[in-house]
Amino acid sequence: MSVSLYGSGQTVIQVVQTVKNDTYTGSISGTGGVTNLGSVFQVSITPQSTTSKILILATFNISSASVNQSVDYILTKNGTPITGAIGTASSTRTSVTSGFSAYPTNYSSTTSTINYLDSPNTTSPVVYSISVHDAWGGVTSFIMNKTISDADAAYTSRLASMITAMEISGS
């Protein structure tokens, strides 16, 4: 079944979604290090046509596992940053898709979203995921779907993260 997008001549061919309800703690090695979440948070889609576009919609809850440190996020395709989905490189600045510039507290969580329309030009399976980047030089671990303290109390939260891939017919 396909859904026509009114007036565009395009249709949604398929939708694939991954929802992560449990928590995860990951590590980042080295200053400015990057860790890909492909093994714990990804969505895989096999386009039916080489002219199809893939709309990625991701909402996720990832932050540094330490107070007063922050992390950035990079949208990846098959483990490699998507060039069109990261900022333009300049001097020693790191090119990322999205960043978290405020500092997490023991009892808060960080929710980020990424929306990107990709043109994979393939009918082979494509895996989209998020990489976590050490934004400050010194972040050694990060957490997903929980707060830093993860206290067993009503004032802390457990969250869900999701990543959706929608194949849209080419025009």
Protein backbone atom coordinates (compact mmCIF):
# COMPACT_ATOMS: atom_id res chain seq x y z
CA MET A 1 0.00 0.00 0.00
CA SER A 2 1.26 3.50 -0.75
CA VAL A 3 0.05 6.88 0.45
CA SER A 4 -0.13 9.73 -2.04
CA LEU A 5 1.32 13.07 -0.94
CA TYR A 6 -1.33 15.55 -2.05
CA GLY A 7 -0.35 17.51 -5.12
CA SER A 8 3.26 16.34 -5.20
CA GLY A 9 2.97 13.28 -7.42
CA GLN A 10 4.99 11.39 -4.82
CA THR A 11 3.94 8.56 -2.53
CA VAL A 12 5.14 7.06 0.71
CA ILE A 13 6.15 3.54 -0.27
CA GLN A 14 7.17 2.11 3.10
CA VAL A 15 7.80 3.16 6.69
CA VAL A 16 10.19 1.44 9.10
CA GLN A 17 10.62 2.46 12.73
CA THR A 18 12.80 1.44 15.65
CA VAL A 19 11.79 2.38 19.19
CA LYS A 20 14.31 1.99 22.01
CA ASN A 21 12.53 1.83 25.38
CA ASP A 22 15.38 0.59 27.55
CA THR A 23 18.41 2.52 28.79
CA TYR A 24 21.95 2.43 27.51
CA THR A 25 25.31 3.68 28.77
CA GLY A 26 28.07 4.04 26.20
CA SER A 27 31.69 5.15 26.21
CA ILE A 28 33.67 7.58 24.10
CA SER A 29 37.40 7.12 23.80
CA GLY A 30 39.80 10.01 23.36
CA THR A 31 39.26 13.75 23.28
CA GLY A 32 36.79 14.60 20.54
CA GLY A 33 35.99 10.91 20.12
CA VAL A 34 32.93 9.57 18.31
CA THR A 35 30.87 6.46 19.08
CA ASN A 36 28.28 5.11 16.62
CA LEU A 37 25.07 3.69 18.10
CA GLY A 38 24.48 1.33 15.17
CA SER A 39 24.41 -1.72 17.43
CA VAL A 40 21.81 -0.27 19.83
CA PHE A 41 19.84 2.42 17.96
CA GLN A 42 19.37 2.17 14.19
CA VAL A 43 16.79 1.74 11.47
CA SER A 44 17.33 -0.31 8.32
CA ILE A 45 15.37 0.18 5.11
CA THR A 46 15.71 -1.36 1.64
CA PRO A 47 14.60 1.15 -1.00
CA GLN A 48 12.48 -0.26 -3.82
CA SER A 49 13.95 2.15 -6.37
CA THR A 50 17.25 3.96 -6.89
CA THR A 51 15.29 7.21 -7.37
CA SER A 52 13.56 6.97 -3.98
CA LYS A 53 14.21 9.44 -1.19
CA ILE A 54 14.40 8.37 2.46
CA LEU A 55 13.01 10.74 5.09
CA ILE A 56 14.69 10.16 8.45
CA LEU A 57 12.83 11.34 11.55
CA ALA A 58 14.73 10.77 14.79
CA THR A 59 13.87 11.80 18.34
CA PHE A 60 16.33 10.60 20.94
CA ASN A 61 17.40 11.18 24.54
CA ILE A 62 21.18 11.13 24.85
CA SER A 63 23.39 13.21 27.11
CA SER A 64 26.77 13.13 28.80
CA ALA A 65 26.85 10.84 31.82
CA SER A 66 28.49 13.68 33.81
CA VAL A 67 27.15 17.03 34.93
CA ASN A 68 28.54 20.09 33.07
CA GLN A 69 29.64 18.22 29.95
CA SER A 70 27.87 17.98 26.62
CA VAL A 71 27.78 15.87 23.49
CA ASP A 72 26.95 16.41 19.81
CA TYR A 73 25.16 14.10 17.38
CA ILE A 74 25.95 12.99 13.83
CA LEU A 75 23.44 11.30 11.51
CA THR A 76 25.09 8.34 9.80
CA LYS A 77 24.30 6.09 6.86
CA ASN A 78 25.91 2.64 6.97
CA GLY A 79 28.20 3.92 9.75
CA THR A 80 29.49 6.97 7.86
CA PRO A 81 28.45 10.60 8.52
CA ILE A 82 26.02 11.88 5.87
CA THR A 83 27.82 14.82 4.28
CA GLY A 84 24.61 16.74 3.54
CA ALA A 85 23.42 16.31 7.13
CA ILE A 86 26.40 17.90 8.92
CA GLY A 87 27.62 21.47 9.21
CA THR A 88 30.32 22.91 6.98
CA ALA A 89 33.83 22.30 8.29
CA SER A 90 35.78 25.36 9.37
CA SER A 91 39.30 25.35 10.81
CA THR A 92 39.38 22.89 13.73
CA ARG A 93 35.62 22.94 14.33
CA THR A 94 33.85 19.58 14.21
CA SER A 95 31.05 19.11 11.68
CA VAL A 96 27.98 17.61 13.35
CA THR A 97 24.25 17.29 12.65
CA SER A 98 22.96 18.51 15.98
CA GLY A 99 24.42 19.60 19.27
CA PHE A 100 23.51 19.99 22.88
CA SER A 101 24.98 23.23 24.22
CA ALA A 102 23.36 23.40 27.65
CA TYR A 103 24.66 21.38 30.56
CA PRO A 104 22.66 18.39 31.82
CA THR A 105 21.86 18.17 35.51
CA ASN A 106 21.52 15.08 37.65
CA TYR A 107 17.75 15.03 37.21
CA SER A 108 17.15 16.33 33.68
CA SER A 109 17.21 14.60 30.33
CA THR A 110 18.19 15.87 26.91
CA THR A 111 15.88 15.33 23.94
CA SER A 112 17.09 16.04 20.41
CA THR A 113 15.50 15.65 16.99
CA ILE A 114 16.94 15.19 13.53
CA ASN A 115 14.93 15.35 10.29
CA TYR A 116 16.74 14.71 7.03
CA LEU A 117 15.75 13.77 3.46
CA ASP A 118 18.37 11.46 1.98
CA SER A 119 18.90 10.23 -1.59
CA PRO A 120 20.67 6.87 -1.13
CA ASN A 121 20.57 5.93 -4.86
CA THR A 122 20.46 2.19 -4.11
CA THR A 123 18.13 -0.77 -3.75
CA SER A 124 20.42 -2.39 -1.17
CA PRO A 125 19.68 -2.18 2.56
CA VAL A 126 20.61 1.16 4.14
CA VAL A 127 21.19 1.55 7.89
CA TYR A 128 20.67 4.94 9.53
CA SER A 129 21.93 5.65 13.03
CA ILE A 130 23.28 8.34 15.32
CA SER A 131 26.90 8.84 16.38
CA VAL A 132 27.70 10.58 19.67
CA HIS A 133 30.60 13.06 19.67
CA ASP A 134 32.54 14.37 22.68
CA ALA A 135 31.80 18.10 22.38
CA TRP A 136 34.06 19.32 25.17
CA GLY A 137 37.08 17.06 25.20
CA GLY A 138 36.78 14.93 28.29
CA VAL A 139 33.40 13.22 27.98
CA THR A 140 34.14 9.55 28.53
CA SER A 141 30.61 8.18 28.75
CA PHE A 142 27.07 9.05 27.74
CA ILE A 143 23.62 7.84 28.67
CA MET A 144 20.47 7.17 26.69
CA ASN A 145 16.84 7.26 27.88
CA LYS A 146 17.59 8.14 31.51
CA THR A 147 18.86 10.94 33.73
CA ILE A 148 22.38 11.12 35.16
CA SER A 149 21.31 10.22 38.70
CA ASP A 150 18.71 7.67 37.53
CA ALA A 151 17.30 7.94 41.05
CA ASP A 152 14.36 5.70 41.90
CA ALA A 153 12.05 8.67 42.43
CA ALA A 154 9.10 10.39 40.77
CA TYR A 155 11.25 13.42 39.86
CA THR A 156 13.46 11.44 37.49
CA SER A 157 12.41 10.00 34.13
CA ARG A 158 12.92 7.02 31.92
CA LEU A 159 12.41 7.88 28.26
CA ALA A 160 11.99 6.36 24.81
CA SER A 161 13.94 7.16 21.64
CA MET A 162 12.79 6.49 18.09
CA ILE A 163 14.15 6.63 14.58
CA THR A 164 11.89 6.34 11.53
CA ALA A 165 12.77 5.87 7.86
CA MET A 166 10.12 6.65 5.23
CA GLU A 167 10.72 5.75 1.60
CA ILE A 168 9.22 8.37 -0.73
CA SER A 169 8.93 7.79 -4.46
CA GLY A 170 11.28 9.89 -6.58
CA SER A 171 9.88 12.63 -8.78
